[in-house]
Amino acid sequence: DTNNSTWHKTRLPMPEAIYALGAAKNAEYATTKYRYTYSSLTTPEQTVEYDFISNKTVILKETPVPHYDREQVEATASDGTAIPISVVYRKDKKKAEGQPQALHLYGYGSYEASIGAWFLILSRRIYVKVNAVAGVPFVDVMNTMSDATIPLTTGEWAEWGNPNELKYFDYMLQYSPYDNVKAQAYPNLFVTGGLFDPRVAKLRDLKTDNNQVLLKMDLDAGHFSASDRYHYNKEKAVELSFLLDQLKYHLKC
């Protein structure tokens, strides 16, 4: 407050229920305006300016994306945990509740990481009906976490557990993907990995169906894909091509 040099809080209203915020640069030191970035599942990043004096906001830069809407729902896990899900869809393509519809589902479940409601063109891990793209998945938890000579292992015991200790061993066996592969039907799978990624183990084929299991190994990449952005875009295009091809087959059936 310029009158008495005191601080007070102001909550800025946001146009959508699901969104992500970030601080933006303002080169003017002596200013009464604050700049921030705003983004959502259907809104590419905007640069917004808030004036403390007038209590008004102005959008300085934006790229509109029409015809899309968003909502937030909850799914209940087998243990009763409520899982928040942010959904974005084309307004003219949404079907009535209970009607089957193709879906891109992105998920990540480690390091207590949250998934912000950012505007994204492609996701690293996508599931459509009976098709799945597993992007450089960490599957052989038991063997990796047992070998203290592997980089990152000892530092990861706090996250995954240390199988060298009996109190963690049985628990880790329950969730380790590699150790839970069973002789059963699996969806069409497209699995990616990098030659220099220590997190990815060999592929085990115990499925009892005729669906595809494709493994694409990048000989020049690690866990976080190639550093060349054009090469990275090509990788995403291959994953999307797989999904679109499988979706086309599903729609024909």
C-alpha atoms as a PDB file:
ATOM      1  CA  ASP A   1       0.000   0.000   0.000  1.00  0.00           C
ATOM      2  CA  THR A   2       1.654   3.266  -1.128  1.00  0.00           C
ATOM      3  CA  ASN A   3      -0.195   5.259   1.533  1.00  0.00           C
ATOM      4  CA  ASN A   4       1.111   3.546   4.668  1.00  0.00           C
ATOM      5  CA  SER A   5       3.783   1.105   3.368  1.00  0.00           C
ATOM      6  CA  THR A   6       1.884  -1.990   4.509  1.00  0.00           C
ATOM      7  CA  TRP A   7       1.307  -5.356   2.832  1.00  0.00           C
ATOM      8  CA  HIS A   8      -2.013  -7.018   2.167  1.00  0.00           C
ATOM      9  CA  LYS A   9      -3.111 -10.030   0.133  1.00  0.00           C
ATOM     10  CA  THR A  10      -5.165  -9.963  -3.057  1.00  0.00           C
ATOM     11  CA  ARG A  11      -6.574 -13.132  -4.642  1.00  0.00           C
ATOM     12  CA  LEU A  12      -6.746 -12.877  -8.426  1.00  0.00           C
ATOM     13  CA  PRO A  13      -9.774 -14.505 -10.096  1.00  0.00           C
ATOM     14  CA  MET A  14      -8.982 -17.061 -12.803  1.00  0.00           C
ATOM     15  CA  PRO A  15     -11.188 -17.740 -15.852  1.00  0.00           C
ATOM     16  CA  GLU A  16     -11.011 -21.554 -15.575  1.00  0.00           C
ATOM     17  CA  ALA A  17     -11.256 -24.085 -12.763  1.00  0.00           C
ATOM     18  CA  ILE A  18      -8.176 -26.041 -13.918  1.00  0.00           C
ATOM     19  CA  TYR A  19      -5.037 -24.050 -14.709  1.00  0.00           C
ATOM     20  CA  ALA A  20      -1.308 -23.551 -14.099  1.00  0.00           C
ATOM     21  CA  LEU A  21       0.427 -20.303 -13.097  1.00  0.00           C
ATOM     22  CA  GLY A  22       4.001 -19.058 -13.244  1.00  0.00           C
ATOM     23  CA  ALA A  23       5.926 -15.839 -12.655  1.00  0.00           C
ATOM     24  CA  ALA A  24       6.830 -13.702 -15.691  1.00  0.00           C
ATOM     25  CA  LYS A  25       9.525 -11.055 -16.129  1.00  0.00           C
ATOM     26  CA  ASN A  26       8.883  -7.333 -15.948  1.00  0.00           C
ATOM     27  CA  ALA A  27      11.937  -5.234 -16.827  1.00  0.00           C
ATOM     28  CA  GLU A  28      10.523  -2.135 -15.111  1.00  0.00           C
ATOM     29  CA  TYR A  29      11.807  -1.959 -11.508  1.00  0.00           C
ATOM     30  CA  ALA A  30       9.615   0.903 -10.292  1.00  0.00           C
ATOM     31  CA  THR A  31       6.258  -0.511 -11.341  1.00  0.00           C
ATOM     32  CA  THR A  32       2.812  -1.079  -9.900  1.00  0.00           C
ATOM     33  CA  LYS A  33       2.182  -4.037 -12.195  1.00  0.00           C
ATOM     34  CA  TYR A  34       2.895  -7.738 -11.792  1.00  0.00           C
ATOM     35  CA  ARG A  35       3.248 -10.107 -14.745  1.00  0.00           C
ATOM     36  CA  TYR A  36       2.537 -13.821 -14.679  1.00  0.00           C
ATOM     37  CA  THR A  37       1.921 -16.667 -17.115  1.00  0.00           C
ATOM     38  CA  TYR A  38      -1.376 -18.513 -17.300  1.00  0.00           C
ATOM     39  CA  SER A  39      -2.006 -21.832 -19.025  1.00  0.00           C
ATOM     40  CA  SER A  40      -4.567 -24.626 -18.980  1.00  0.00           C
ATOM     41  CA  LEU A  41      -5.419 -27.811 -20.847  1.00  0.00           C
ATOM     42  CA  THR A  42      -7.198 -25.773 -23.521  1.00  0.00           C
ATOM     43  CA  THR A  43      -5.347 -22.454 -23.233  1.00  0.00           C
ATOM     44  CA  PRO A  44      -1.766 -22.082 -24.498  1.00  0.00           C
ATOM     45  CA  GLU A  45       0.453 -19.958 -22.289  1.00  0.00           C
ATOM     46  CA  GLN A  46      -0.668 -16.359 -21.852  1.00  0.00           C
ATOM     47  CA  THR A  47       1.330 -13.448 -20.474  1.00  0.00           C
ATOM     48  CA  VAL A  48      -0.939 -11.521 -18.104  1.00  0.00           C
ATOM     49  CA  GLU A  49      -0.342  -8.226 -16.295  1.00  0.00           C
ATOM     50  CA  TYR A  50      -2.054  -7.270 -13.038  1.00  0.00           C
ATOM     51  CA  ASP A  51      -2.198  -3.624 -11.929  1.00  0.00           C
ATOM     52  CA  PHE A  52      -2.116  -3.230  -8.131  1.00  0.00           C
ATOM     53  CA  ILE A  53      -3.539   0.300  -8.317  1.00  0.00           C
ATOM     54  CA  SER A  54      -6.521  -0.284 -10.614  1.00  0.00           C
ATOM     55  CA  ASN A  55      -6.959  -3.924  -9.520  1.00  0.00           C
ATOM     56  CA  LYS A  56      -7.347  -4.947 -13.168  1.00  0.00           C
ATOM     57  CA  THR A  57      -5.683  -7.609 -15.318  1.00  0.00           C
ATOM     58  CA  VAL A  58      -4.727  -7.346 -18.982  1.00  0.00           C
ATOM     59  CA  ILE A  59      -3.699 -10.197 -21.300  1.00  0.00           C
ATOM     60  CA  LEU A  60      -0.530  -9.059 -23.084  1.00  0.00           C
ATOM     61  CA  LYS A  61       0.031 -12.125 -25.249  1.00  0.00           C
ATOM     62  CA  GLU A  62      -2.048 -15.186 -26.105  1.00  0.00           C
ATOM     63  CA  THR A  63      -2.776 -17.821 -28.756  1.00  0.00           C
ATOM     64  CA  PRO A  64      -6.479 -18.751 -28.806  1.00  0.00           C
ATOM     65  CA  VAL A  65      -7.554 -22.387 -29.291  1.00  0.00           C
ATOM     66  CA  PRO A  66     -11.307 -22.539 -29.976  1.00  0.00           C
ATOM     67  CA  HIS A  67     -13.791 -25.439 -29.848  1.00  0.00           C
ATOM     68  CA  TYR A  68     -12.347 -27.164 -26.757  1.00  0.00           C
ATOM     69  CA  ASP A  69     -13.623 -27.455 -23.197  1.00  0.00           C
ATOM     70  CA  ARG A  70     -12.288 -28.920 -19.961  1.00  0.00           C
ATOM     71  CA  GLU A  71     -13.504 -30.345 -16.654  1.00  0.00           C
ATOM     72  CA  GLN A  72     -12.139 -32.092 -13.576  1.00  0.00           C
ATOM     73  CA  VAL A  73     -13.396 -35.495 -12.421  1.00  0.00           C
ATOM     74  CA  GLU A  74     -12.330 -38.094  -9.860  1.00  0.00           C
ATOM     75  CA  ALA A  75     -11.683 -41.817 -10.205  1.00  0.00           C
ATOM     76  CA  THR A  76     -11.602 -44.161  -7.213  1.00  0.00           C
ATOM     77  CA  ALA A  77      -8.634 -46.529  -6.946  1.00  0.00           C
ATOM     78  CA  SER A  78      -8.932 -50.106  -5.659  1.00  0.00           C
ATOM     79  CA  ASP A  79      -7.803 -48.948  -2.201  1.00  0.00           C
ATOM     80  CA  GLY A  80     -10.397 -46.173  -2.105  1.00  0.00           C
ATOM     81  CA  THR A  81      -8.017 -43.318  -2.971  1.00  0.00           C
ATOM     82  CA  ALA A  82      -9.661 -40.514  -4.951  1.00  0.00           C
ATOM     83  CA  ILE A  83      -7.560 -39.696  -8.028  1.00  0.00           C
ATOM     84  CA  PRO A  84      -8.168 -36.271  -9.624  1.00  0.00           C
ATOM     85  CA  ILE A  85      -8.284 -36.322 -13.437  1.00  0.00           C
ATOM     86  CA  SER A  86      -8.247 -33.268 -15.689  1.00  0.00           C
ATOM     87  CA  VAL A  87     -10.211 -33.888 -18.897  1.00  0.00           C
ATOM     88  CA  VAL A  88     -10.077 -31.876 -22.112  1.00  0.00           C
ATOM     89  CA  TYR A  89     -12.257 -32.582 -25.156  1.00  0.00           C
ATOM     90  CA  ARG A  90     -13.710 -31.113 -28.321  1.00  0.00           C
ATOM     91  CA  LYS A  91     -17.152 -29.734 -27.610  1.00  0.00           C
ATOM     92  CA  ASP A  92     -18.665 -31.205 -30.782  1.00  0.00           C
ATOM     93  CA  LYS A  93     -17.160 -34.691 -30.205  1.00  0.00           C
ATOM     94  CA  LYS A  94     -18.147 -35.416 -26.618  1.00  0.00           C
ATOM     95  CA  LYS A  95     -20.524 -38.372 -26.361  1.00  0.00           C
ATOM     96  CA  ALA A  96     -23.271 -38.948 -23.831  1.00  0.00           C
ATOM     97  CA  GLU A  97     -22.288 -40.374 -20.447  1.00  0.00           C
ATOM     98  CA  GLY A  98     -21.937 -44.140 -20.593  1.00  0.00           C
ATOM     99  CA  GLN A  99     -21.084 -44.200 -24.307  1.00  0.00           C
ATOM    100  CA  PRO A 100     -17.615 -45.620 -25.175  1.00  0.00           C
ATOM    101  CA  GLN A 101     -15.167 -43.074 -26.537  1.00  0.00           C
ATOM    102  CA  ALA A 102     -11.453 -43.028 -27.420  1.00  0.00           C
ATOM    103  CA  LEU A 103      -9.255 -41.407 -24.784  1.00  0.00           C
ATOM    104  CA  HIS A 104      -5.665 -40.208 -24.390  1.00  0.00           C
ATOM    105  CA  LEU A 105      -4.705 -40.756 -20.744  1.00  0.00           C
ATOM    106  CA  TYR A 106      -1.410 -39.438 -19.351  1.00  0.00           C
ATOM    107  CA  GLY A 107      -0.210 -40.552 -15.957  1.00  0.00           C
ATOM    108  CA  TYR A 108       2.910 -40.454 -13.778  1.00  0.00           C
ATOM    109  CA  GLY A 109       3.195 -41.896 -10.294  1.00  0.00           C
ATOM    110  CA  SER A 110       6.641 -41.361  -8.764  1.00  0.00           C
ATOM    111  CA  TYR A 111       8.504 -38.886  -6.574  1.00  0.00           C
ATOM    112  CA  GLU A 112       5.249 -37.348  -5.304  1.00  0.00           C
ATOM    113  CA  ALA A 113       5.136 -35.424  -8.577  1.00  0.00           C
ATOM    114  CA  SER A 114       1.926 -33.651  -9.544  1.00  0.00           C
ATOM    115  CA  ILE A 115       0.827 -33.116 -13.133  1.00  0.00           C
ATOM    116  CA  GLY A 116      -0.020 -29.499 -13.804  1.00  0.00           C
ATOM    117  CA  ALA A 117      -2.866 -28.455 -16.080  1.00  0.00           C
ATOM    118  CA  TRP A 118      -0.476 -27.316 -18.797  1.00  0.00           C
ATOM    119  CA  PHE A 119      -1.276 -27.018 -22.474  1.00  0.00           C
ATOM    120  CA  LEU A 120       0.374 -30.039 -24.167  1.00  0.00           C
ATOM    121  CA  ILE A 121       0.297 -31.257 -27.759  1.00  0.00           C
ATOM    122  CA  LEU A 122       1.656 -34.754 -27.097  1.00  0.00           C
ATOM    123  CA  SER A 123       2.147 -36.795 -23.934  1.00  0.00           C
ATOM    124  CA  ARG A 124       4.987 -39.145 -23.247  1.00  0.00           C
ATOM    125  CA  ARG A 125       2.791 -41.980 -22.084  1.00  0.00           C
ATOM    126  CA  ILE A 126      -0.585 -42.452 -23.784  1.00  0.00           C
ATOM    127  CA  TYR A 127      -3.330 -45.068 -23.513  1.00  0.00           C
ATOM    128  CA  VAL A 128      -6.149 -45.418 -26.041  1.00  0.00           C
ATOM    129  CA  LYS A 129      -8.736 -48.135 -25.409  1.00  0.00           C
ATOM    130  CA  VAL A 130      -6.630 -51.325 -25.690  1.00  0.00           C
ATOM    131  CA  ASN A 131      -3.417 -49.672 -26.861  1.00  0.00           C
ATOM    132  CA  ALA A 132      -0.550 -48.377 -24.719  1.00  0.00           C
ATOM    133  CA  VAL A 133       2.660 -46.447 -25.267  1.00  0.00           C
ATOM    134  CA  ALA A 134       5.118 -46.990 -22.403  1.00  0.00           C
ATOM    135  CA  GLY A 135       7.781 -44.285 -22.608  1.00  0.00           C
ATOM    136  CA  VAL A 136      11.104 -45.494 -21.151  1.00  0.00           C
ATOM    137  CA  PRO A 137       9.341 -47.252 -18.245  1.00  0.00           C
ATOM    138  CA  PHE A 138      11.130 -48.225 -15.032  1.00  0.00           C
ATOM    139  CA  VAL A 139      10.174 -51.908 -14.889  1.00  0.00           C
ATOM    140  CA  ASP A 140      12.921 -53.987 -13.218  1.00  0.00           C
ATOM    141  CA  VAL A 141      12.701 -52.371  -9.788  1.00  0.00           C
ATOM    142  CA  MET A 142      13.992 -55.321  -7.729  1.00  0.00           C
ATOM    143  CA  ASN A 143      17.227 -55.976  -9.622  1.00  0.00           C
ATOM    144  CA  THR A 144      17.985 -52.299 -10.143  1.00  0.00           C
ATOM    145  CA  MET A 145      17.460 -51.349  -6.511  1.00  0.00           C
ATOM    146  CA  SER A 146      19.483 -54.376  -5.318  1.00  0.00           C
ATOM    147  CA  ASP A 147      22.651 -53.273  -7.124  1.00  0.00           C
ATOM    148  CA  ALA A 148      24.287 -50.405  -5.246  1.00  0.00           C
ATOM    149  CA  THR A 149      26.927 -50.034  -7.991  1.00  0.00           C
ATOM    150  CA  ILE A 150      24.351 -48.683 -10.463  1.00  0.00           C
ATOM    151  CA  PRO A 151      24.223 -44.868 -10.572  1.00  0.00           C
ATOM    152  CA  LEU A 152      21.240 -43.372  -8.703  1.00  0.00           C
ATOM    153  CA  THR A 153      20.379 -46.629  -6.871  1.00  0.00           C
ATOM    154  CA  THR A 154      21.323 -45.728  -3.286  1.00  0.00           C
ATOM    155  CA  GLY A 155      19.797 -42.282  -3.639  1.00  0.00           C
ATOM    156  CA  GLU A 156      16.531 -43.866  -4.819  1.00  0.00           C
ATOM    157  CA  TRP A 157      16.056 -46.213  -1.843  1.00  0.00           C
ATOM    158  CA  ALA A 158      14.024 -43.546  -0.071  1.00  0.00           C
ATOM    159  CA  GLU A 159      11.584 -43.519  -3.020  1.00  0.00           C
ATOM    160  CA  TRP A 160      11.315 -47.199  -3.998  1.00  0.00           C
ATOM    161  CA  GLY A 161      12.627 -49.074  -0.950  1.00  0.00           C
ATOM    162  CA  ASN A 162      15.782 -51.141  -0.441  1.00  0.00           C
ATOM    163  CA  PRO A 163      15.158 -54.802  -1.409  1.00  0.00           C
ATOM    164  CA  ASN A 164      18.314 -55.786   0.484  1.00  0.00           C
ATOM    165  CA  GLU A 165      16.263 -55.226   3.642  1.00  0.00           C
ATOM    166  CA  LEU A 166      13.611 -57.868   4.329  1.00  0.00           C
ATOM    167  CA  LYS A 167      10.992 -55.340   5.475  1.00  0.00           C
ATOM    168  CA  TYR A 168      10.980 -53.812   1.970  1.00  0.00           C
ATOM    169  CA  PHE A 169      11.573 -56.934  -0.140  1.00  0.00           C
ATOM    170  CA  ASP A 170       8.071 -58.460  -0.069  1.00  0.00           C
ATOM    171  CA  TYR A 171       6.393 -55.070  -0.423  1.00  0.00           C
ATOM    172  CA  MET A 172       8.461 -54.169  -3.495  1.00  0.00           C
ATOM    173  CA  LEU A 173       7.669 -57.500  -5.138  1.00  0.00           C
ATOM    174  CA  GLN A 174       3.995 -56.542  -5.056  1.00  0.00           C
ATOM    175  CA  TYR A 175       4.452 -53.488  -7.291  1.00  0.00           C
ATOM    176  CA  SER A 176       7.602 -54.204  -9.347  1.00  0.00           C
ATOM    177  CA  PRO A 177       6.317 -54.332 -12.978  1.00  0.00           C
ATOM    178  CA  TYR A 178       8.909 -56.868 -14.163  1.00  0.00           C
ATOM    179  CA  ASP A 179       8.014 -59.281 -11.370  1.00  0.00           C
ATOM    180  CA  ASN A 180       4.271 -58.990 -11.984  1.00  0.00           C
ATOM    181  CA  VAL A 181       4.227 -59.950 -15.675  1.00  0.00           C
ATOM    182  CA  LYS A 182       1.788 -62.857 -15.954  1.00  0.00           C
ATOM    183  CA  ALA A 183       0.605 -65.263 -18.631  1.00  0.00           C
ATOM    184  CA  GLN A 184      -2.495 -63.312 -19.613  1.00  0.00           C
ATOM    185  CA  ALA A 185      -3.909 -61.062 -22.326  1.00  0.00           C
ATOM    186  CA  TYR A 186      -2.273 -57.645 -22.704  1.00  0.00           C
ATOM    187  CA  PRO A 187      -3.168 -54.639 -24.863  1.00  0.00           C
ATOM    188  CA  ASN A 188      -1.275 -53.594 -27.972  1.00  0.00           C
ATOM    189  CA  LEU A 189       2.002 -52.224 -26.605  1.00  0.00           C
ATOM    190  CA  PHE A 190       4.582 -49.828 -28.003  1.00  0.00           C
ATOM    191  CA  VAL A 191       7.530 -49.656 -25.607  1.00  0.00           C
ATOM    192  CA  THR A 192      10.376 -47.176 -26.034  1.00  0.00           C
ATOM    193  CA  GLY A 193      13.815 -47.207 -24.455  1.00  0.00           C
ATOM    194  CA  GLY A 194      17.265 -45.654 -24.738  1.00  0.00           C
ATOM    195  CA  LEU A 195      20.470 -47.677 -25.021  1.00  0.00           C
ATOM    196  CA  PHE A 196      22.094 -45.596 -22.295  1.00  0.00           C
ATOM    197  CA  ASP A 197      19.105 -45.663 -19.937  1.00  0.00           C
ATOM    198  CA  PRO A 198      19.798 -47.881 -16.877  1.00  0.00           C
ATOM    199  CA  ARG A 199      16.111 -47.845 -15.881  1.00  0.00           C
ATOM    200  CA  VAL A 200      14.802 -50.083 -18.696  1.00  0.00           C
ATOM    201  CA  ALA A 201      15.085 -53.886 -18.533  1.00  0.00           C
ATOM    202  CA  LYS A 202      14.505 -56.623 -21.156  1.00  0.00           C
ATOM    203  CA  LEU A 203      11.028 -57.260 -22.547  1.00  0.00           C
ATOM    204  CA  ARG A 204       9.245 -60.403 -21.352  1.00  0.00           C
ATOM    205  CA  ASP A 205       6.631 -61.942 -23.608  1.00  0.00           C
ATOM    206  CA  LEU A 206       4.140 -63.947 -21.561  1.00  0.00           C
ATOM    207  CA  LYS A 207       0.992 -62.609 -23.142  1.00  0.00           C
ATOM    208  CA  THR A 208      -1.636 -65.063 -24.368  1.00  0.00           C
ATOM    209  CA  ASP A 209      -3.268 -62.875 -27.039  1.00  0.00           C
ATOM    210  CA  ASN A 210      -2.486 -61.875 -30.620  1.00  0.00           C
ATOM    211  CA  ASN A 211      -1.987 -58.174 -29.897  1.00  0.00           C
ATOM    212  CA  GLN A 212       1.214 -56.427 -30.881  1.00  0.00           C
ATOM    213  CA  VAL A 213       4.176 -55.833 -28.592  1.00  0.00           C
ATOM    214  CA  LEU A 214       6.655 -53.494 -30.261  1.00  0.00           C
ATOM    215  CA  LEU A 215       9.981 -52.443 -28.736  1.00  0.00           C
ATOM    216  CA  LYS A 216      11.770 -49.406 -30.181  1.00  0.00           C
ATOM    217  CA  MET A 217      15.277 -48.891 -28.816  1.00  0.00           C
ATOM    218  CA  ASP A 218      16.967 -45.550 -29.479  1.00  0.00           C
ATOM    219  CA  LEU A 219      20.715 -46.167 -29.777  1.00  0.00           C
ATOM    220  CA  ASP A 220      21.581 -42.510 -29.133  1.00  0.00           C
ATOM    221  CA  ALA A 221      19.335 -41.658 -26.190  1.00  0.00           C
ATOM    222  CA  GLY A 222      19.083 -42.038 -22.431  1.00  0.00           C
ATOM    223  CA  HIS A 223      16.083 -41.953 -20.097  1.00  0.00           C
ATOM    224  CA  PHE A 224      15.009 -38.458 -21.123  1.00  0.00           C
ATOM    225  CA  SER A 225      15.036 -39.098 -24.876  1.00  0.00           C
ATOM    226  CA  ALA A 226      17.350 -37.452 -27.393  1.00  0.00           C
ATOM    227  CA  SER A 227      18.739 -33.983 -26.764  1.00  0.00           C
ATOM    228  CA  ASP A 228      18.125 -32.984 -30.391  1.00  0.00           C
ATOM    229  CA  ARG A 229      14.660 -31.388 -30.425  1.00  0.00           C
ATOM    230  CA  TYR A 230      14.003 -32.492 -34.013  1.00  0.00           C
ATOM    231  CA  HIS A 231      14.905 -36.067 -33.123  1.00  0.00           C
ATOM    232  CA  TYR A 232      12.620 -35.796 -30.087  1.00  0.00           C
ATOM    233  CA  ASN A 233       9.723 -34.623 -32.266  1.00  0.00           C
ATOM    234  CA  LYS A 234      10.275 -37.586 -34.590  1.00  0.00           C
ATOM    235  CA  GLU A 235      10.034 -39.949 -31.603  1.00  0.00           C
ATOM    236  CA  LYS A 236       6.721 -38.408 -30.547  1.00  0.00           C
ATOM    237  CA  ALA A 237       5.454 -38.704 -34.135  1.00  0.00           C
ATOM    238  CA  VAL A 238       6.235 -42.444 -34.166  1.00  0.00           C
ATOM    239  CA  GLU A 239       4.334 -42.963 -30.904  1.00  0.00           C
ATOM    240  CA  LEU A 240       1.333 -41.030 -32.181  1.00  0.00           C
ATOM    241  CA  SER A 241       1.407 -42.965 -35.467  1.00  0.00           C
ATOM    242  CA  PHE A 242       1.165 -46.223 -33.534  1.00  0.00           C
ATOM    243  CA  LEU A 243      -1.835 -44.980 -31.565  1.00  0.00           C
ATOM    244  CA  LEU A 244      -3.629 -43.608 -34.604  1.00  0.00           C
ATOM    245  CA  ASP A 245      -3.029 -46.833 -36.513  1.00  0.00           C
ATOM    246  CA  GLN A 246      -4.439 -48.945 -33.669  1.00  0.00           C
ATOM    247  CA  LEU A 247      -7.366 -46.583 -33.163  1.00  0.00           C
ATOM    248  CA  LYS A 248      -8.224 -46.791 -36.858  1.00  0.00           C
ATOM    249  CA  TYR A 249      -8.248 -50.593 -36.619  1.00  0.00           C
ATOM    250  CA  HIS A 250     -10.444 -50.467 -33.517  1.00  0.00           C
ATOM    251  CA  LEU A 251     -12.983 -48.169 -35.169  1.00  0.00           C
ATOM    252  CA  LYS A 252     -13.219 -50.517 -38.160  1.00  0.00           C
ATOM    253  CA  CYS A 253     -14.087 -53.376 -35.815  1.00  0.00           C
END
